[in-house]
Amino acid sequence: MVSFTGNALWHLVQQSDSISKGVLLLLLILSIACWSLFLGKIMIMRTHIKQLQKTISNLPVESSLTQLFEKITLPNESIAFYFLSDICNFVHLFFKKRDAQKSFEQHEIDLIMNYAQQTVDAFVEKERKGLAFLSTAAGVSPLLGLFGTVWGLVHAFIRISQQQSADIATVAPGIAEALITTLAGLMVAIPALVMFNYIQVQARTIECLLEQLADRIEIIVTCCMFTRKLDAQIQTTPTVTHDNGSITHATR
């Protein structure tokens, strides 16, 4: 029983066989990979959230297309810049290719918004990278721990049969060595599951902010299209000259 005093866990690891040590080493690698991925993703995602919030607050619905295009004249490394650049380039090409005298139709606005939604989905998919690894680690780690436990119990019972004794002093060390892998598996799986859920929430927050920014762009583009449509209607409305020389647009 003296062997269980002091640093008992490390002593149990030292007494484990090569298979159990291999399982523990694999779980250690999984834990390091999960924490590295989590810390890196959290720093990046928090930065992206702040950038998107700042861009949305600096882009009121009363903005014009000119003000919208000015947002991409100064390149930077923010997610909002890349998102706006992608959509603005599409809007710019759309306005450039179409007939300026032709009135806008609803399907053209829907086309722009469908492209904006595809852009949102593409950016969100990038933010979700790494979630599959965390989910796999959370699911596989307990199974690896269980495998190590079963393997350790088999060897523990073999040692018991060889010693031909089943007292607590003989049984306890072998069972403790077997259960250490289950403990290690849970120590990897529980944090990995928490990390997965937390990053999932952050990704949803970024998705909501991107959709808000896309809706803001939709309002700006729609207002621009509606203004151009009104201008085209005014230009094509026949005028009537009165006897006093004044000119008014005839109503249809």
C-alpha atoms as a PDB file:
ATOM      1  CA  MET A   1       0.000   0.000   0.000  1.00  0.00           C
ATOM      2  CA  VAL A   2       2.993   2.276   0.320  1.00  0.00           C
ATOM      3  CA  SER A   3       3.205   2.512  -3.473  1.00  0.00           C
ATOM      4  CA  PHE A   4      -0.108   4.406  -3.525  1.00  0.00           C
ATOM      5  CA  THR A   5       1.190   7.307  -1.462  1.00  0.00           C
ATOM      6  CA  GLY A   6       2.726  10.410  -2.968  1.00  0.00           C
ATOM      7  CA  ASN A   7       2.488  10.675  -6.760  1.00  0.00           C
ATOM      8  CA  ALA A   8       0.230   7.648  -7.114  1.00  0.00           C
ATOM      9  CA  LEU A   9      -1.056   8.366 -10.620  1.00  0.00           C
ATOM     10  CA  TRP A  10       2.419   8.611 -12.107  1.00  0.00           C
ATOM     11  CA  HIS A  11       3.377   5.435 -10.289  1.00  0.00           C
ATOM     12  CA  LEU A  12       0.404   3.652 -11.861  1.00  0.00           C
ATOM     13  CA  VAL A  13       1.420   4.891 -15.307  1.00  0.00           C
ATOM     14  CA  GLN A  14       4.938   3.561 -14.792  1.00  0.00           C
ATOM     15  CA  GLN A  15       3.584   0.159 -13.788  1.00  0.00           C
ATOM     16  CA  SER A  16       1.304  -0.059 -16.853  1.00  0.00           C
ATOM     17  CA  ASP A  17       2.202  -2.268 -19.807  1.00  0.00           C
ATOM     18  CA  SER A  18       3.132  -0.980 -23.263  1.00  0.00           C
ATOM     19  CA  ILE A  19      -0.452  -1.093 -24.614  1.00  0.00           C
ATOM     20  CA  SER A  20      -1.830   0.969 -21.734  1.00  0.00           C
ATOM     21  CA  LYS A  21       1.035   3.439 -22.062  1.00  0.00           C
ATOM     22  CA  GLY A  22       0.342   3.710 -25.787  1.00  0.00           C
ATOM     23  CA  VAL A  23      -3.327   4.512 -25.089  1.00  0.00           C
ATOM     24  CA  LEU A  24      -2.334   7.135 -22.522  1.00  0.00           C
ATOM     25  CA  LEU A  25       0.155   8.683 -24.960  1.00  0.00           C
ATOM     26  CA  LEU A  26      -2.515   8.856 -27.679  1.00  0.00           C
ATOM     27  CA  LEU A  27      -4.942  10.499 -25.265  1.00  0.00           C
ATOM     28  CA  LEU A  28      -2.264  13.010 -24.287  1.00  0.00           C
ATOM     29  CA  ILE A  29      -1.691  13.900 -27.948  1.00  0.00           C
ATOM     30  CA  LEU A  30      -5.455  14.310 -28.455  1.00  0.00           C
ATOM     31  CA  SER A  31      -5.692  16.568 -25.422  1.00  0.00           C
ATOM     32  CA  ILE A  32      -2.826  18.799 -26.586  1.00  0.00           C
ATOM     33  CA  ALA A  33      -4.315  19.007 -30.092  1.00  0.00           C
ATOM     34  CA  CYS A  34      -7.777  19.904 -28.730  1.00  0.00           C
ATOM     35  CA  TRP A  35      -6.485  22.661 -26.466  1.00  0.00           C
ATOM     36  CA  SER A  36      -4.244  24.090 -29.190  1.00  0.00           C
ATOM     37  CA  LEU A  37      -7.116  24.134 -31.679  1.00  0.00           C
ATOM     38  CA  PHE A  38      -9.527  25.609 -29.136  1.00  0.00           C
ATOM     39  CA  LEU A  39      -7.269  28.446 -27.996  1.00  0.00           C
ATOM     40  CA  GLY A  40      -6.350  29.358 -31.577  1.00  0.00           C
ATOM     41  CA  LYS A  41      -9.978  29.316 -32.761  1.00  0.00           C
ATOM     42  CA  ILE A  42     -11.209  31.361 -29.812  1.00  0.00           C
ATOM     43  CA  MET A  43      -8.699  34.161 -30.385  1.00  0.00           C
ATOM     44  CA  ILE A  44      -9.522  34.319 -34.093  1.00  0.00           C
ATOM     45  CA  MET A  45     -13.292  34.110 -33.657  1.00  0.00           C
ATOM     46  CA  ARG A  46     -13.409  36.796 -30.970  1.00  0.00           C
ATOM     47  CA  THR A  47     -11.427  39.076 -33.268  1.00  0.00           C
ATOM     48  CA  HIS A  48     -13.844  38.366 -36.128  1.00  0.00           C
ATOM     49  CA  ILE A  49     -16.854  39.124 -33.927  1.00  0.00           C
ATOM     50  CA  LYS A  50     -15.405  42.498 -32.903  1.00  0.00           C
ATOM     51  CA  GLN A  51     -14.578  43.345 -36.529  1.00  0.00           C
ATOM     52  CA  LEU A  52     -18.082  42.486 -37.733  1.00  0.00           C
ATOM     53  CA  GLN A  53     -19.762  44.412 -34.929  1.00  0.00           C
ATOM     54  CA  LYS A  54     -17.645  47.473 -35.705  1.00  0.00           C
ATOM     55  CA  THR A  55     -18.388  47.259 -39.450  1.00  0.00           C
ATOM     56  CA  ILE A  56     -22.132  46.918 -38.880  1.00  0.00           C
ATOM     57  CA  SER A  57     -22.178  49.911 -36.552  1.00  0.00           C
ATOM     58  CA  ASN A  58     -20.218  51.984 -39.107  1.00  0.00           C
ATOM     59  CA  LEU A  59     -22.529  51.054 -42.000  1.00  0.00           C
ATOM     60  CA  PRO A  60     -25.970  52.609 -41.384  1.00  0.00           C
ATOM     61  CA  VAL A  61     -28.931  51.675 -43.547  1.00  0.00           C
ATOM     62  CA  GLU A  62     -28.929  55.204 -44.962  1.00  0.00           C
ATOM     63  CA  SER A  63     -25.584  54.547 -46.657  1.00  0.00           C
ATOM     64  CA  SER A  64     -25.274  54.742 -50.422  1.00  0.00           C
ATOM     65  CA  LEU A  65     -23.499  52.381 -52.782  1.00  0.00           C
ATOM     66  CA  THR A  66     -20.640  54.858 -52.922  1.00  0.00           C
ATOM     67  CA  GLN A  67     -20.201  54.676 -49.168  1.00  0.00           C
ATOM     68  CA  LEU A  68     -20.452  50.904 -49.361  1.00  0.00           C
ATOM     69  CA  PHE A  69     -17.711  50.699 -51.984  1.00  0.00           C
ATOM     70  CA  GLU A  70     -15.548  53.050 -49.901  1.00  0.00           C
ATOM     71  CA  LYS A  71     -15.424  50.359 -47.226  1.00  0.00           C
ATOM     72  CA  ILE A  72     -13.244  48.221 -49.501  1.00  0.00           C
ATOM     73  CA  THR A  73     -10.940  50.950 -50.810  1.00  0.00           C
ATOM     74  CA  LEU A  74      -8.586  50.515 -47.831  1.00  0.00           C
ATOM     75  CA  PRO A  75      -7.556  46.855 -47.727  1.00  0.00           C
ATOM     76  CA  ASN A  76      -7.136  45.178 -44.341  1.00  0.00           C
ATOM     77  CA  GLU A  77      -7.091  41.682 -42.936  1.00  0.00           C
ATOM     78  CA  SER A  78     -10.514  41.726 -41.275  1.00  0.00           C
ATOM     79  CA  ILE A  79     -13.231  39.219 -42.081  1.00  0.00           C
ATOM     80  CA  ALA A  80     -15.638  42.108 -42.701  1.00  0.00           C
ATOM     81  CA  PHE A  81     -13.350  43.485 -45.433  1.00  0.00           C
ATOM     82  CA  TYR A  82     -13.179  40.163 -47.274  1.00  0.00           C
ATOM     83  CA  PHE A  83     -16.930  39.678 -46.921  1.00  0.00           C
ATOM     84  CA  LEU A  84     -17.755  43.165 -48.200  1.00  0.00           C
ATOM     85  CA  SER A  85     -15.190  42.879 -50.984  1.00  0.00           C
ATOM     86  CA  ASP A  86     -16.692  39.645 -52.248  1.00  0.00           C
ATOM     87  CA  ILE A  87     -20.251  40.968 -52.322  1.00  0.00           C
ATOM     88  CA  CYS A  88     -19.351  44.472 -53.555  1.00  0.00           C
ATOM     89  CA  ASN A  89     -17.353  43.061 -56.446  1.00  0.00           C
ATOM     90  CA  PHE A  90     -20.359  41.000 -57.467  1.00  0.00           C
ATOM     91  CA  VAL A  91     -22.696  44.010 -57.142  1.00  0.00           C
ATOM     92  CA  HIS A  92     -20.258  46.168 -59.130  1.00  0.00           C
ATOM     93  CA  LEU A  93     -20.082  43.617 -61.971  1.00  0.00           C
ATOM     94  CA  PHE A  94     -23.856  43.246 -61.854  1.00  0.00           C
ATOM     95  CA  PHE A  95     -24.453  46.981 -62.304  1.00  0.00           C
ATOM     96  CA  LYS A  96     -21.728  47.181 -64.928  1.00  0.00           C
ATOM     97  CA  LYS A  97     -23.144  44.458 -67.186  1.00  0.00           C
ATOM     98  CA  ARG A  98     -26.828  45.329 -67.059  1.00  0.00           C
ATOM     99  CA  ASP A  99     -28.592  48.000 -69.137  1.00  0.00           C
ATOM    100  CA  ALA A 100     -28.661  51.218 -67.131  1.00  0.00           C
ATOM    101  CA  GLN A 101     -31.912  52.320 -68.812  1.00  0.00           C
ATOM    102  CA  LYS A 102     -33.746  49.129 -67.931  1.00  0.00           C
ATOM    103  CA  SER A 103     -35.852  49.156 -64.791  1.00  0.00           C
ATOM    104  CA  PHE A 104     -34.896  46.760 -62.022  1.00  0.00           C
ATOM    105  CA  GLU A 105     -36.912  43.633 -61.323  1.00  0.00           C
ATOM    106  CA  GLN A 106     -37.368  41.588 -58.162  1.00  0.00           C
ATOM    107  CA  HIS A 107     -35.511  38.574 -59.486  1.00  0.00           C
ATOM    108  CA  GLU A 108     -32.378  40.731 -59.875  1.00  0.00           C
ATOM    109  CA  ILE A 109     -32.485  41.674 -56.191  1.00  0.00           C
ATOM    110  CA  ASP A 110     -33.057  38.005 -55.337  1.00  0.00           C
ATOM    111  CA  LEU A 111     -30.001  37.089 -57.418  1.00  0.00           C
ATOM    112  CA  ILE A 112     -27.794  39.459 -55.443  1.00  0.00           C
ATOM    113  CA  MET A 113     -29.158  38.222 -52.116  1.00  0.00           C
ATOM    114  CA  ASN A 114     -28.714  34.586 -53.106  1.00  0.00           C
ATOM    115  CA  TYR A 115     -25.071  35.337 -53.825  1.00  0.00           C
ATOM    116  CA  ALA A 116     -24.786  37.125 -50.463  1.00  0.00           C
ATOM    117  CA  GLN A 117     -26.262  34.093 -48.675  1.00  0.00           C
ATOM    118  CA  GLN A 118     -23.831  31.782 -50.452  1.00  0.00           C
ATOM    119  CA  THR A 119     -21.006  34.046 -49.326  1.00  0.00           C
ATOM    120  CA  VAL A 120     -22.281  33.903 -45.734  1.00  0.00           C
ATOM    121  CA  ASP A 121     -22.396  30.103 -45.885  1.00  0.00           C
ATOM    122  CA  ALA A 122     -18.852  29.950 -47.267  1.00  0.00           C
ATOM    123  CA  PHE A 123     -17.468  32.190 -44.512  1.00  0.00           C
ATOM    124  CA  VAL A 124     -19.326  30.308 -41.776  1.00  0.00           C
ATOM    125  CA  GLU A 125     -18.007  27.007 -43.116  1.00  0.00           C
ATOM    126  CA  LYS A 126     -14.470  28.338 -42.717  1.00  0.00           C
ATOM    127  CA  GLU A 127     -15.232  29.356 -39.132  1.00  0.00           C
ATOM    128  CA  ARG A 128     -16.499  25.850 -38.352  1.00  0.00           C
ATOM    129  CA  LYS A 129     -13.252  24.198 -39.376  1.00  0.00           C
ATOM    130  CA  GLY A 130     -11.910  22.119 -36.506  1.00  0.00           C
ATOM    131  CA  LEU A 131     -15.307  21.311 -35.023  1.00  0.00           C
ATOM    132  CA  ALA A 132     -15.233  17.839 -36.567  1.00  0.00           C
ATOM    133  CA  PHE A 133     -11.916  17.114 -34.842  1.00  0.00           C
ATOM    134  CA  LEU A 134     -13.243  18.239 -31.444  1.00  0.00           C
ATOM    135  CA  SER A 135     -16.393  16.195 -31.910  1.00  0.00           C
ATOM    136  CA  THR A 136     -14.357  13.128 -32.875  1.00  0.00           C
ATOM    137  CA  ALA A 137     -12.012  13.576 -29.921  1.00  0.00           C
ATOM    138  CA  ALA A 138     -14.953  13.886 -27.516  1.00  0.00           C
ATOM    139  CA  GLY A 139     -16.462  10.665 -28.878  1.00  0.00           C
ATOM    140  CA  VAL A 140     -13.324   8.577 -29.308  1.00  0.00           C
ATOM    141  CA  SER A 141     -11.486   9.438 -26.063  1.00  0.00           C
ATOM    142  CA  PRO A 142     -13.862   7.549 -23.710  1.00  0.00           C
ATOM    143  CA  LEU A 143     -13.720   4.544 -26.021  1.00  0.00           C
ATOM    144  CA  LEU A 144      -9.937   4.605 -26.002  1.00  0.00           C
ATOM    145  CA  GLY A 145     -10.047   4.851 -22.223  1.00  0.00           C
ATOM    146  CA  LEU A 146     -12.460   1.915 -22.079  1.00  0.00           C
ATOM    147  CA  PHE A 147     -10.214  -0.111 -24.358  1.00  0.00           C
ATOM    148  CA  GLY A 148      -7.248   0.544 -22.068  1.00  0.00           C
ATOM    149  CA  THR A 149      -9.336  -0.395 -19.046  1.00  0.00           C
ATOM    150  CA  VAL A 150     -10.489  -3.702 -20.533  1.00  0.00           C
ATOM    151  CA  TRP A 151      -6.936  -4.495 -21.589  1.00  0.00           C
ATOM    152  CA  GLY A 152      -5.654  -3.663 -18.108  1.00  0.00           C
ATOM    153  CA  LEU A 153      -8.337  -5.739 -16.399  1.00  0.00           C
ATOM    154  CA  VAL A 154      -7.440  -8.752 -18.527  1.00  0.00           C
ATOM    155  CA  HIS A 155      -3.817  -8.497 -17.450  1.00  0.00           C
ATOM    156  CA  ALA A 156      -4.846  -7.820 -13.848  1.00  0.00           C
ATOM    157  CA  PHE A 157      -6.874 -11.019 -13.698  1.00  0.00           C
ATOM    158  CA  ILE A 158      -4.039 -12.943 -15.323  1.00  0.00           C
ATOM    159  CA  ARG A 159      -1.672 -11.719 -12.592  1.00  0.00           C
ATOM    160  CA  ILE A 160      -4.233 -12.653  -9.945  1.00  0.00           C
ATOM    161  CA  SER A 161      -4.475 -16.187 -11.339  1.00  0.00           C
ATOM    162  CA  GLN A 162      -0.704 -16.475 -11.443  1.00  0.00           C
ATOM    163  CA  GLN A 163      -0.360 -15.375  -7.805  1.00  0.00           C
ATOM    164  CA  GLN A 164      -3.332 -17.549  -6.825  1.00  0.00           C
ATOM    165  CA  SER A 165      -4.540 -14.887  -4.430  1.00  0.00           C
ATOM    166  CA  ALA A 166      -7.604 -12.621  -4.557  1.00  0.00           C
ATOM    167  CA  ASP A 167      -7.088 -10.419  -1.508  1.00  0.00           C
ATOM    168  CA  ILE A 168      -7.402  -6.623  -1.811  1.00  0.00           C
ATOM    169  CA  ALA A 169      -3.654  -6.089  -1.805  1.00  0.00           C
ATOM    170  CA  THR A 170      -3.336  -8.204  -4.920  1.00  0.00           C
ATOM    171  CA  VAL A 171      -6.448  -7.035  -6.768  1.00  0.00           C
ATOM    172  CA  ALA A 172      -6.344  -3.274  -6.109  1.00  0.00           C
ATOM    173  CA  PRO A 173      -3.096  -2.347  -7.954  1.00  0.00           C
ATOM    174  CA  GLY A 174      -4.083  -4.154 -11.159  1.00  0.00           C
ATOM    175  CA  ILE A 175      -7.568  -2.668 -11.225  1.00  0.00           C
ATOM    176  CA  ALA A 176      -6.193   0.812 -10.490  1.00  0.00           C
ATOM    177  CA  GLU A 177      -3.752   0.490 -13.396  1.00  0.00           C
ATOM    178  CA  ALA A 178      -6.640  -0.505 -15.653  1.00  0.00           C
ATOM    179  CA  LEU A 179      -8.944   2.331 -14.576  1.00  0.00           C
ATOM    180  CA  ILE A 180      -6.294   5.024 -15.124  1.00  0.00           C
ATOM    181  CA  THR A 181      -6.954   4.932 -18.883  1.00  0.00           C
ATOM    182  CA  THR A 182     -10.691   5.499 -18.331  1.00  0.00           C
ATOM    183  CA  LEU A 183      -9.863   8.505 -16.169  1.00  0.00           C
ATOM    184  CA  ALA A 184      -7.539   9.847 -18.869  1.00  0.00           C
ATOM    185  CA  GLY A 185     -10.201   9.315 -21.549  1.00  0.00           C
ATOM    186  CA  LEU A 186     -12.770  11.286 -19.563  1.00  0.00           C
ATOM    187  CA  MET A 187     -10.247  14.052 -18.901  1.00  0.00           C
ATOM    188  CA  VAL A 188      -9.870  14.444 -22.668  1.00  0.00           C
ATOM    189  CA  ALA A 189     -13.508  13.915 -23.679  1.00  0.00           C
ATOM    190  CA  ILE A 190     -15.227  16.301 -21.252  1.00  0.00           C
ATOM    191  CA  PRO A 191     -13.139  19.410 -22.128  1.00  0.00           C
ATOM    192  CA  ALA A 192     -13.319  18.523 -25.834  1.00  0.00           C
ATOM    193  CA  LEU A 193     -17.127  18.439 -25.671  1.00  0.00           C
ATOM    194  CA  VAL A 194     -17.217  21.789 -23.866  1.00  0.00           C
ATOM    195  CA  MET A 195     -14.830  23.258 -26.459  1.00  0.00           C
ATOM    196  CA  PHE A 196     -16.997  21.935 -29.284  1.00  0.00           C
ATOM    197  CA  ASN A 197     -20.171  23.513 -27.893  1.00  0.00           C
ATOM    198  CA  TYR A 198     -18.454  26.822 -27.136  1.00  0.00           C
ATOM    199  CA  ILE A 199     -16.974  27.152 -30.622  1.00  0.00           C
ATOM    200  CA  GLN A 200     -20.353  26.158 -32.053  1.00  0.00           C
ATOM    201  CA  VAL A 201     -21.948  29.080 -30.214  1.00  0.00           C
ATOM    202  CA  GLN A 202     -19.233  31.469 -31.425  1.00  0.00           C
ATOM    203  CA  ALA A 203     -19.701  30.268 -35.007  1.00  0.00           C
ATOM    204  CA  ARG A 204     -23.442  30.908 -34.755  1.00  0.00           C
ATOM    205  CA  THR A 205     -22.731  34.411 -33.466  1.00  0.00           C
ATOM    206  CA  ILE A 206     -20.487  35.088 -36.464  1.00  0.00           C
ATOM    207  CA  GLU A 207     -23.148  33.672 -38.773  1.00  0.00           C
ATOM    208  CA  CYS A 208     -25.764  36.019 -37.293  1.00  0.00           C
ATOM    209  CA  LEU A 209     -23.438  39.011 -37.699  1.00  0.00           C
ATOM    210  CA  LEU A 210     -22.664  38.086 -41.296  1.00  0.00           C
ATOM    211  CA  GLU A 211     -26.384  37.779 -42.023  1.00  0.00           C
ATOM    212  CA  GLN A 212     -26.967  41.188 -40.435  1.00  0.00           C
ATOM    213  CA  LEU A 213     -24.257  42.650 -42.641  1.00  0.00           C
ATOM    214  CA  ALA A 214     -25.761  40.931 -45.693  1.00  0.00           C
ATOM    215  CA  ASP A 215     -29.200  42.325 -44.790  1.00  0.00           C
ATOM    216  CA  ARG A 216     -27.662  45.801 -44.451  1.00  0.00           C
ATOM    217  CA  ILE A 217     -26.169  45.440 -47.930  1.00  0.00           C
ATOM    218  CA  GLU A 218     -29.521  44.233 -49.248  1.00  0.00           C
ATOM    219  CA  ILE A 219     -31.237  47.369 -47.917  1.00  0.00           C
ATOM    220  CA  ILE A 220     -28.590  49.643 -49.454  1.00  0.00           C
ATOM    221  CA  VAL A 221     -28.676  47.906 -52.842  1.00  0.00           C
ATOM    222  CA  THR A 222     -32.469  47.743 -52.873  1.00  0.00           C
ATOM    223  CA  CYS A 223     -32.737  51.450 -52.083  1.00  0.00           C
ATOM    224  CA  CYS A 224     -30.261  52.205 -54.873  1.00  0.00           C
ATOM    225  CA  MET A 225     -32.210  50.077 -57.326  1.00  0.00           C
ATOM    226  CA  PHE A 226     -35.501  51.638 -56.267  1.00  0.00           C
ATOM    227  CA  THR A 227     -34.049  55.128 -56.639  1.00  0.00           C
ATOM    228  CA  ARG A 228     -32.775  54.343 -60.125  1.00  0.00           C
ATOM    229  CA  LYS A 229     -36.129  52.840 -61.015  1.00  0.00           C
ATOM    230  CA  LEU A 230     -37.912  55.985 -59.895  1.00  0.00           C
ATOM    231  CA  ASP A 231     -35.466  58.142 -61.850  1.00  0.00           C
ATOM    232  CA  ALA A 232     -36.079  56.031 -64.959  1.00  0.00           C
ATOM    233  CA  GLN A 233     -39.838  56.333 -64.520  1.00  0.00           C
ATOM    234  CA  ILE A 234     -39.621  60.107 -64.117  1.00  0.00           C
ATOM    235  CA  GLN A 235     -37.435  60.387 -67.206  1.00  0.00           C
ATOM    236  CA  THR A 236     -39.891  58.349 -69.303  1.00  0.00           C
ATOM    237  CA  THR A 237     -43.018  60.085 -67.998  1.00  0.00           C
ATOM    238  CA  PRO A 238     -44.484  62.432 -70.673  1.00  0.00           C
ATOM    239  CA  THR A 239     -44.474  66.132 -69.773  1.00  0.00           C
ATOM    240  CA  VAL A 240     -47.247  68.641 -70.211  1.00  0.00           C
ATOM    241  CA  THR A 241     -46.585  72.310 -70.937  1.00  0.00           C
ATOM    242  CA  HIS A 242     -49.175  74.697 -69.516  1.00  0.00           C
ATOM    243  CA  ASP A 243     -50.206  78.014 -70.925  1.00  0.00           C
ATOM    244  CA  ASN A 244     -48.204  79.816 -68.238  1.00  0.00           C
ATOM    245  CA  GLY A 245     -45.029  78.010 -69.347  1.00  0.00           C
ATOM    246  CA  SER A 246     -44.762  75.642 -66.405  1.00  0.00           C
ATOM    247  CA  ILE A 247     -43.951  72.010 -67.015  1.00  0.00           C
ATOM    248  CA  THR A 248     -45.392  69.087 -65.070  1.00  0.00           C
ATOM    249  CA  HIS A 249     -45.197  65.312 -65.470  1.00  0.00           C
ATOM    250  CA  ALA A 250     -48.346  63.724 -66.713  1.00  0.00           C
ATOM    251  CA  THR A 251     -49.809  60.988 -64.567  1.00  0.00           C
ATOM    252  CA  ARG A 252     -50.608  57.630 -66.091  1.00  0.00           C
END
